[in-house]
């Protein structure tokens, strides 16, 4: 937000909610 405000950098944040599926992360519960 600071960089968007100071320098006009368009920035979008995405709050991910527990992503799962093929090629997933071994540290995630569904994988382990």
ModelCIF file with pLDDT and N, C-alpha, C, O atoms, coordinates in Angstrom:
data_MODEL
#
_entry.id   MODEL 
#
_entity.id                         1 
_entity.type                       polymer 
_entity.pdbx_number_of_molecules   1 
#
_entity_poly.entity_id                      1 
_entity_poly.type                           'polypeptide(L)' 
_entity_poly.nstd_linkage                   no 
_entity_poly.nstd_monomer                   no 
_entity_poly.pdbx_seq_one_letter_code       
;(UNK)(UNK)(UNK)(UNK)(UNK)(UNK)(UNK)(UNK)(UNK)(UNK)(UNK)(UNK)(UNK)(UNK)(UNK)(UNK)
(UNK)(UNK)(UNK)(UNK)(UNK)(UNK)(UNK)(UNK)(UNK)(UNK)(UNK)(UNK)(UNK)(UNK)(UNK)(UNK)
;
_entity_poly.pdbx_seq_one_letter_code_can   XXXXXXXXXXXXXXXXXXXXXXXXXXXXXXXX 
_entity_poly.pdbx_strand_id                 A 
#
loop_
_entity_poly_seq.entity_id 
_entity_poly_seq.num 
_entity_poly_seq.mon_id 
_entity_poly_seq.hetero 
1 1  UNK n 
1 2  UNK n 
1 3  UNK n 
1 4  UNK n 
1 5  UNK n 
1 6  UNK n 
1 7  UNK n 
1 8  UNK n 
1 9  UNK n 
1 10 UNK n 
1 11 UNK n 
1 12 UNK n 
1 13 UNK n 
1 14 UNK n 
1 15 UNK n 
1 16 UNK n 
1 17 UNK n 
1 18 UNK n 
1 19 UNK n 
1 20 UNK n 
1 21 UNK n 
1 22 UNK n 
1 23 UNK n 
1 24 UNK n 
1 25 UNK n 
1 26 UNK n 
1 27 UNK n 
1 28 UNK n 
1 29 UNK n 
1 30 UNK n 
1 31 UNK n 
1 32 UNK n 
#
_struct_asym.id          A 
_struct_asym.entity_id   1 
#
loop_
_ma_qa_metric.id 
_ma_qa_metric.mode 
_ma_qa_metric.name 
_ma_qa_metric.software_group_id 
_ma_qa_metric.type 
1 global pLDDT . pLDDT 
2 local  pLDDT . pLDDT 
#
_ma_qa_metric_global.metric_id      1 
_ma_qa_metric_global.metric_value   96.16 
_ma_qa_metric_global.model_id       1 
_ma_qa_metric_global.ordinal_id     1 
#
loop_
_ma_qa_metric_local.label_asym_id 
_ma_qa_metric_local.label_comp_id 
_ma_qa_metric_local.label_seq_id 
_ma_qa_metric_local.metric_id 
_ma_qa_metric_local.metric_value 
_ma_qa_metric_local.model_id 
_ma_qa_metric_local.ordinal_id 
A UNK 1  2 98.00 1 1  
A UNK 2  2 98.00 1 2  
A UNK 3  2 98.00 1 3  
A UNK 4  2 98.00 1 4  
A UNK 5  2 97.00 1 5  
A UNK 6  2 98.00 1 6  
A UNK 7  2 98.00 1 7  
A UNK 8  2 98.00 1 8  
A UNK 9  2 98.00 1 9  
A UNK 10 2 98.00 1 10 
A UNK 11 2 98.00 1 11 
A UNK 12 2 98.00 1 12 
A UNK 13 2 98.00 1 13 
A UNK 14 2 98.00 1 14 
A UNK 15 2 97.00 1 15 
A UNK 16 2 96.00 1 16 
A UNK 17 2 94.00 1 17 
A UNK 18 2 91.00 1 18 
A UNK 19 2 96.00 1 19 
A UNK 20 2 97.00 1 20 
A UNK 21 2 98.00 1 21 
A UNK 22 2 98.00 1 22 
A UNK 23 2 98.00 1 23 
A UNK 24 2 97.00 1 24 
A UNK 25 2 95.00 1 25 
A UNK 26 2 94.00 1 26 
A UNK 27 2 90.00 1 27 
A UNK 28 2 92.00 1 28 
A UNK 29 2 89.00 1 29 
A UNK 30 2 94.00 1 30 
A UNK 31 2 96.00 1 31 
A UNK 32 2 94.00 1 32 
#
loop_
_atom_site.group_PDB 
_atom_site.id 
_atom_site.type_symbol 
_atom_site.label_atom_id 
_atom_site.label_alt_id 
_atom_site.label_comp_id 
_atom_site.label_asym_id 
_atom_site.label_entity_id 
_atom_site.label_seq_id 
_atom_site.pdbx_PDB_ins_code 
_atom_site.Cartn_x 
_atom_site.Cartn_y 
_atom_site.Cartn_z 
_atom_site.occupancy 
_atom_site.B_iso_or_equiv 
_atom_site.pdbx_formal_charge 
_atom_site.auth_seq_id 
_atom_site.auth_comp_id 
_atom_site.auth_asym_id 
_atom_site.auth_atom_id 
_atom_site.pdbx_PDB_model_num 
ATOM 1   N N  . UNK A 1 1  ? 0.825  -1.202  0.000  1.00 98.00 ? 1  UNK A N  1 
ATOM 2   C CA . UNK A 1 1  ? 0.000  0.000   0.000  1.00 98.00 ? 1  UNK A CA 1 
ATOM 3   C C  . UNK A 1 1  ? 0.864  1.258   0.000  1.00 98.00 ? 1  UNK A C  1 
ATOM 4   O O  . UNK A 1 1  ? 0.546  2.237   -0.675 1.00 98.00 ? 1  UNK A O  1 
ATOM 5   N N  . UNK A 1 2  ? 1.944  1.226   0.752  1.00 98.00 ? 2  UNK A N  1 
ATOM 6   C CA . UNK A 1 2  ? 2.838  2.378   0.796  1.00 98.00 ? 2  UNK A CA 1 
ATOM 7   C C  . UNK A 1 2  ? 3.402  2.694   -0.586 1.00 98.00 ? 2  UNK A C  1 
ATOM 8   O O  . UNK A 1 2  ? 3.456  3.858   -0.983 1.00 98.00 ? 2  UNK A O  1 
ATOM 9   N N  . UNK A 1 3  ? 3.820  1.664   -1.319 1.00 98.00 ? 3  UNK A N  1 
ATOM 10  C CA . UNK A 1 3  ? 4.371  1.882   -2.663 1.00 98.00 ? 3  UNK A CA 1 
ATOM 11  C C  . UNK A 1 3  ? 3.289  2.301   -3.654 1.00 98.00 ? 3  UNK A C  1 
ATOM 12  O O  . UNK A 1 3  ? 3.552  3.078   -4.572 1.00 98.00 ? 3  UNK A O  1 
ATOM 13  N N  . UNK A 1 4  ? 2.079  1.789   -3.472 1.00 98.00 ? 4  UNK A N  1 
ATOM 14  C CA . UNK A 1 4  ? 0.972  2.244   -4.310 1.00 98.00 ? 4  UNK A CA 1 
ATOM 15  C C  . UNK A 1 4  ? 0.681  3.720   -4.066 1.00 98.00 ? 4  UNK A C  1 
ATOM 16  O O  . UNK A 1 4  ? 0.417  4.478   -5.000 1.00 98.00 ? 4  UNK A O  1 
ATOM 17  N N  . UNK A 1 5  ? 0.735  4.116   -2.797 1.00 97.00 ? 5  UNK A N  1 
ATOM 18  C CA . UNK A 1 5  ? 0.448  5.502   -2.425 1.00 97.00 ? 5  UNK A CA 1 
ATOM 19  C C  . UNK A 1 5  ? 1.569  6.458   -2.846 1.00 97.00 ? 5  UNK A C  1 
ATOM 20  O O  . UNK A 1 5  ? 1.302  7.513   -3.420 1.00 97.00 ? 5  UNK A O  1 
ATOM 21  N N  . UNK A 1 6  ? 2.806  6.093   -2.564 1.00 98.00 ? 6  UNK A N  1 
ATOM 22  C CA . UNK A 1 6  ? 3.928  6.993   -2.836 1.00 98.00 ? 6  UNK A CA 1 
ATOM 23  C C  . UNK A 1 6  ? 4.315  7.062   -4.311 1.00 98.00 ? 6  UNK A C  1 
ATOM 24  O O  . UNK A 1 6  ? 4.646  8.128   -4.829 1.00 98.00 ? 6  UNK A O  1 
ATOM 25  N N  . UNK A 1 7  ? 4.267  5.909   -4.977 1.00 98.00 ? 7  UNK A N  1 
ATOM 26  C CA . UNK A 1 7  ? 4.833  5.828   -6.325 1.00 98.00 ? 7  UNK A CA 1 
ATOM 27  C C  . UNK A 1 7  ? 3.816  5.423   -7.399 1.00 98.00 ? 7  UNK A C  1 
ATOM 28  O O  . UNK A 1 7  ? 4.166  5.280   -8.571 1.00 98.00 ? 7  UNK A O  1 
ATOM 29  N N  . UNK A 1 8  ? 2.562  5.241   -6.994 1.00 98.00 ? 8  UNK A N  1 
ATOM 30  C CA . UNK A 1 8  ? 1.543  4.875   -7.971 1.00 98.00 ? 8  UNK A CA 1 
ATOM 31  C C  . UNK A 1 8  ? 1.692  3.467   -8.515 1.00 98.00 ? 8  UNK A C  1 
ATOM 32  O O  . UNK A 1 8  ? 1.195  3.173   -9.602 1.00 98.00 ? 8  UNK A O  1 
ATOM 33  N N  . UNK A 1 9  ? 2.374  2.581   -7.776 1.00 98.00 ? 9  UNK A N  1 
ATOM 34  C CA . UNK A 1 9  ? 2.543  1.200   -8.226 1.00 98.00 ? 9  UNK A CA 1 
ATOM 35  C C  . UNK A 1 9  ? 1.247  0.422   -8.012 1.00 98.00 ? 9  UNK A C  1 
ATOM 36  O O  . UNK A 1 9  ? 0.858  0.212   -6.863 1.00 98.00 ? 9  UNK A O  1 
ATOM 37  N N  . UNK A 1 10 ? 0.566  -0.013  -9.066 1.00 98.00 ? 10 UNK A N  1 
ATOM 38  C CA . UNK A 1 10 ? -0.651 -0.808  -8.886 1.00 98.00 ? 10 UNK A CA 1 
ATOM 39  C C  . UNK A 1 10 ? -0.316 -2.150  -8.233 1.00 98.00 ? 10 UNK A C  1 
ATOM 40  O O  . UNK A 1 10 ? 0.497  -2.914  -8.754 1.00 98.00 ? 10 UNK A O  1 
ATOM 41  N N  . UNK A 1 11 ? -0.941 -2.429  -7.102 1.00 98.00 ? 11 UNK A N  1 
ATOM 42  C CA . UNK A 1 11 ? -0.601 -3.621  -6.327 1.00 98.00 ? 11 UNK A CA 1 
ATOM 43  C C  . UNK A 1 11 ? -1.863 -4.298  -5.813 1.00 98.00 ? 11 UNK A C  1 
ATOM 44  O O  . UNK A 1 11 ? -2.745 -3.653  -5.246 1.00 98.00 ? 11 UNK A O  1 
ATOM 45  N N  . UNK A 1 12 ? -1.934 -5.605  -6.020 1.00 98.00 ? 12 UNK A N  1 
ATOM 46  C CA . UNK A 1 12 ? -3.077 -6.393  -5.560 1.00 98.00 ? 12 UNK A CA 1 
ATOM 47  C C  . UNK A 1 12 ? -2.576 -7.555  -4.717 1.00 98.00 ? 12 UNK A C  1 
ATOM 48  O O  . UNK A 1 12 ? -1.749 -8.348  -5.167 1.00 98.00 ? 12 UNK A O  1 
ATOM 49  N N  . UNK A 1 13 ? -3.080 -7.653  -3.491 1.00 98.00 ? 13 UNK A N  1 
ATOM 50  C CA . UNK A 1 13 ? -2.752 -8.767  -2.616 1.00 98.00 ? 13 UNK A CA 1 
ATOM 51  C C  . UNK A 1 13 ? -3.849 -9.808  -2.618 1.00 98.00 ? 13 UNK A C  1 
ATOM 52  O O  . UNK A 1 13 ? -5.033 -9.472  -2.610 1.00 98.00 ? 13 UNK A O  1 
ATOM 53  N N  . UNK A 1 14 ? -3.459 -11.072 -2.629 1.00 98.00 ? 14 UNK A N  1 
ATOM 54  C CA . UNK A 1 14 ? -4.421 -12.181 -2.618 1.00 98.00 ? 14 UNK A CA 1 
ATOM 55  C C  . UNK A 1 14 ? -4.220 -13.000 -1.347 1.00 98.00 ? 14 UNK A C  1 
ATOM 56  O O  . UNK A 1 14 ? -3.151 -13.565 -1.119 1.00 98.00 ? 14 UNK A O  1 
ATOM 57  N N  . UNK A 1 15 ? -5.262 -13.053 -0.531 1.00 97.00 ? 15 UNK A N  1 
ATOM 58  C CA . UNK A 1 15 ? -5.213 -13.839 0.698  1.00 97.00 ? 15 UNK A CA 1 
ATOM 59  C C  . UNK A 1 15 ? -5.659 -15.263 0.392  1.00 97.00 ? 15 UNK A C  1 
ATOM 60  O O  . UNK A 1 15 ? -6.855 -15.550 0.330  1.00 97.00 ? 15 UNK A O  1 
ATOM 61  N N  . UNK A 1 16 ? -4.688 -16.148 0.201  1.00 96.00 ? 16 UNK A N  1 
ATOM 62  C CA . UNK A 1 16 ? -4.972 -17.541 -0.145 1.00 96.00 ? 16 UNK A CA 1 
ATOM 63  C C  . UNK A 1 16 ? -5.525 -18.298 1.055  1.00 96.00 ? 16 UNK A C  1 
ATOM 64  O O  . UNK A 1 16 ? -5.098 -18.099 2.192  1.00 96.00 ? 16 UNK A O  1 
ATOM 65  N N  . UNK A 1 17 ? -6.487 -19.169 0.772  1.00 94.00 ? 17 UNK A N  1 
ATOM 66  C CA . UNK A 1 17 ? -7.095 -20.012 1.796  1.00 94.00 ? 17 UNK A CA 1 
ATOM 67  C C  . UNK A 1 17 ? -6.781 -21.476 1.492  1.00 94.00 ? 17 UNK A C  1 
ATOM 68  O O  . UNK A 1 17 ? -7.401 -22.075 0.613  1.00 94.00 ? 17 UNK A O  1 
ATOM 69  N N  . UNK A 1 18 ? -5.822 -22.051 2.217  1.00 91.00 ? 18 UNK A N  1 
ATOM 70  C CA . UNK A 1 18 ? -5.465 -23.478 2.211  1.00 91.00 ? 18 UNK A CA 1 
ATOM 71  C C  . UNK A 1 18 ? -5.587 -24.122 0.833  1.00 91.00 ? 18 UNK A C  1 
ATOM 72  O O  . UNK A 1 18 ? -6.552 -24.830 0.544  1.00 91.00 ? 18 UNK A O  1 
ATOM 73  N N  . UNK A 1 19 ? -4.599 -23.864 -0.003 1.00 96.00 ? 19 UNK A N  1 
ATOM 74  C CA . UNK A 1 19 ? -4.597 -24.367 -1.379 1.00 96.00 ? 19 UNK A CA 1 
ATOM 75  C C  . UNK A 1 19 ? -4.127 -25.823 -1.390 1.00 96.00 ? 19 UNK A C  1 
ATOM 76  O O  . UNK A 1 19 ? -3.189 -26.184 -0.679 1.00 96.00 ? 19 UNK A O  1 
ATOM 77  N N  . UNK A 1 20 ? -4.788 -26.657 -2.203 1.00 97.00 ? 20 UNK A N  1 
ATOM 78  C CA . UNK A 1 20 ? -4.416 -28.069 -2.283 1.00 97.00 ? 20 UNK A CA 1 
ATOM 79  C C  . UNK A 1 20 ? -4.572 -28.555 -3.717 1.00 97.00 ? 20 UNK A C  1 
ATOM 80  O O  . UNK A 1 20 ? -5.208 -27.894 -4.538 1.00 97.00 ? 20 UNK A O  1 
ATOM 81  N N  . UNK A 1 21 ? -3.989 -29.714 -4.014 1.00 98.00 ? 21 UNK A N  1 
ATOM 82  C CA . UNK A 1 21 ? -4.140 -30.305 -5.334 1.00 98.00 ? 21 UNK A CA 1 
ATOM 83  C C  . UNK A 1 21 ? -2.874 -31.010 -5.784 1.00 98.00 ? 21 UNK A C  1 
ATOM 84  O O  . UNK A 1 21 ? -1.898 -31.057 -5.036 1.00 98.00 ? 21 UNK A O  1 
ATOM 85  N N  . UNK A 1 22 ? -2.871 -31.567 -7.013 1.00 98.00 ? 22 UNK A N  1 
ATOM 86  C CA . UNK A 1 22 ? -1.696 -32.251 -7.553 1.00 98.00 ? 22 UNK A CA 1 
ATOM 87  C C  . UNK A 1 22 ? -0.456 -31.359 -7.550 1.00 98.00 ? 22 UNK A C  1 
ATOM 88  O O  . UNK A 1 22 ? -0.546 -30.149 -7.758 1.00 98.00 ? 22 UNK A O  1 
ATOM 89  N N  . UNK A 1 23 ? 0.692  -31.972 -7.313 1.00 98.00 ? 23 UNK A N  1 
ATOM 90  C CA . UNK A 1 23 ? 1.979  -31.275 -7.221 1.00 98.00 ? 23 UNK A CA 1 
ATOM 91  C C  . UNK A 1 23 ? 2.041  -30.365 -5.990 1.00 98.00 ? 23 UNK A C  1 
ATOM 92  O O  . UNK A 1 23 ? 2.805  -29.400 -5.963 1.00 98.00 ? 23 UNK A O  1 
ATOM 93  N N  . UNK A 1 24 ? 1.234  -30.678 -4.978 1.00 97.00 ? 24 UNK A N  1 
ATOM 94  C CA . UNK A 1 24 ? 1.152  -29.836 -3.786 1.00 97.00 ? 24 UNK A CA 1 
ATOM 95  C C  . UNK A 1 24 ? 2.372  -29.921 -2.898 1.00 97.00 ? 24 UNK A C  1 
ATOM 96  O O  . UNK A 1 24 ? 3.348  -30.604 -3.209 1.00 97.00 ? 24 UNK A O  1 
ATOM 97  N N  . UNK A 1 25 ? 2.296  -29.199 -1.763 1.00 95.00 ? 25 UNK A N  1 
ATOM 98  C CA . UNK A 1 25 ? 3.423  -29.091 -0.834 1.00 95.00 ? 25 UNK A CA 1 
ATOM 99  C C  . UNK A 1 25 ? 3.410  -30.225 0.185  1.00 95.00 ? 25 UNK A C  1 
ATOM 100 O O  . UNK A 1 25 ? 2.388  -30.465 0.828  1.00 95.00 ? 25 UNK A O  1 
ATOM 101 N N  . UNK A 1 26 ? 4.530  -30.921 0.338  1.00 94.00 ? 26 UNK A N  1 
ATOM 102 C CA . UNK A 1 26 ? 4.577  -32.033 1.300  1.00 94.00 ? 26 UNK A CA 1 
ATOM 103 C C  . UNK A 1 26 ? 4.371  -31.616 2.746  1.00 94.00 ? 26 UNK A C  1 
ATOM 104 O O  . UNK A 1 26 ? 4.037  -32.458 3.579  1.00 94.00 ? 26 UNK A O  1 
ATOM 105 N N  . UNK A 1 27 ? 4.560  -30.332 3.072  1.00 90.00 ? 27 UNK A N  1 
ATOM 106 C CA . UNK A 1 27 ? 4.360  -29.906 4.451  1.00 90.00 ? 27 UNK A CA 1 
ATOM 107 C C  . UNK A 1 27 ? 2.894  -29.648 4.783  1.00 90.00 ? 27 UNK A C  1 
ATOM 108 O O  . UNK A 1 27 ? 2.551  -29.425 5.944  1.00 90.00 ? 27 UNK A O  1 
ATOM 109 N N  . UNK A 1 28 ? 2.030  -29.677 3.772  1.00 92.00 ? 28 UNK A N  1 
ATOM 110 C CA . UNK A 1 28 ? 0.605  -29.439 4.004  1.00 92.00 ? 28 UNK A CA 1 
ATOM 111 C C  . UNK A 1 28 ? -0.071 -30.716 4.516  1.00 92.00 ? 28 UNK A C  1 
ATOM 112 O O  . UNK A 1 28 ? 0.361  -31.826 4.204  1.00 92.00 ? 28 UNK A O  1 
ATOM 113 N N  . UNK A 1 29 ? -1.127 -30.544 5.300  1.00 89.00 ? 29 UNK A N  1 
ATOM 114 C CA . UNK A 1 29 ? -1.754 -31.678 5.989  1.00 89.00 ? 29 UNK A CA 1 
ATOM 115 C C  . UNK A 1 29 ? -2.250 -32.751 5.026  1.00 89.00 ? 29 UNK A C  1 
ATOM 116 O O  . UNK A 1 29 ? -2.030 -33.939 5.260  1.00 89.00 ? 29 UNK A O  1 
ATOM 117 N N  . UNK A 1 30 ? -2.921 -32.343 3.939  1.00 94.00 ? 30 UNK A N  1 
ATOM 118 C CA . UNK A 1 30 ? -3.492 -33.349 3.029  1.00 94.00 ? 30 UNK A CA 1 
ATOM 119 C C  . UNK A 1 30 ? -2.407 -34.234 2.431  1.00 94.00 ? 30 UNK A C  1 
ATOM 120 O O  . UNK A 1 30 ? -2.632 -35.422 2.197  1.00 94.00 ? 30 UNK A O  1 
ATOM 121 N N  . UNK A 1 31 ? -1.231 -33.660 2.182  1.00 96.00 ? 31 UNK A N  1 
ATOM 122 C CA . UNK A 1 31 ? -0.109 -34.398 1.600  1.00 96.00 ? 31 UNK A CA 1 
ATOM 123 C C  . UNK A 1 31 ? 0.480  -35.357 2.625  1.00 96.00 ? 31 UNK A C  1 
ATOM 124 O O  . UNK A 1 31 ? 0.661  -36.544 2.352  1.00 96.00 ? 31 UNK A O  1 
ATOM 125 N N  . UNK A 1 32 ? 0.777  -34.826 3.812  1.00 94.00 ? 32 UNK A N  1 
ATOM 126 C CA . UNK A 1 32 ? 1.387  -35.674 4.847  1.00 94.00 ? 32 UNK A CA 1 
ATOM 127 C C  . UNK A 1 32 ? 0.409  -36.739 5.343  1.00 94.00 ? 32 UNK A C  1 
ATOM 128 O O  . UNK A 1 32 ? 0.756  -37.538 6.213  1.00 94.00 ? 32 UNK A O  1 
#
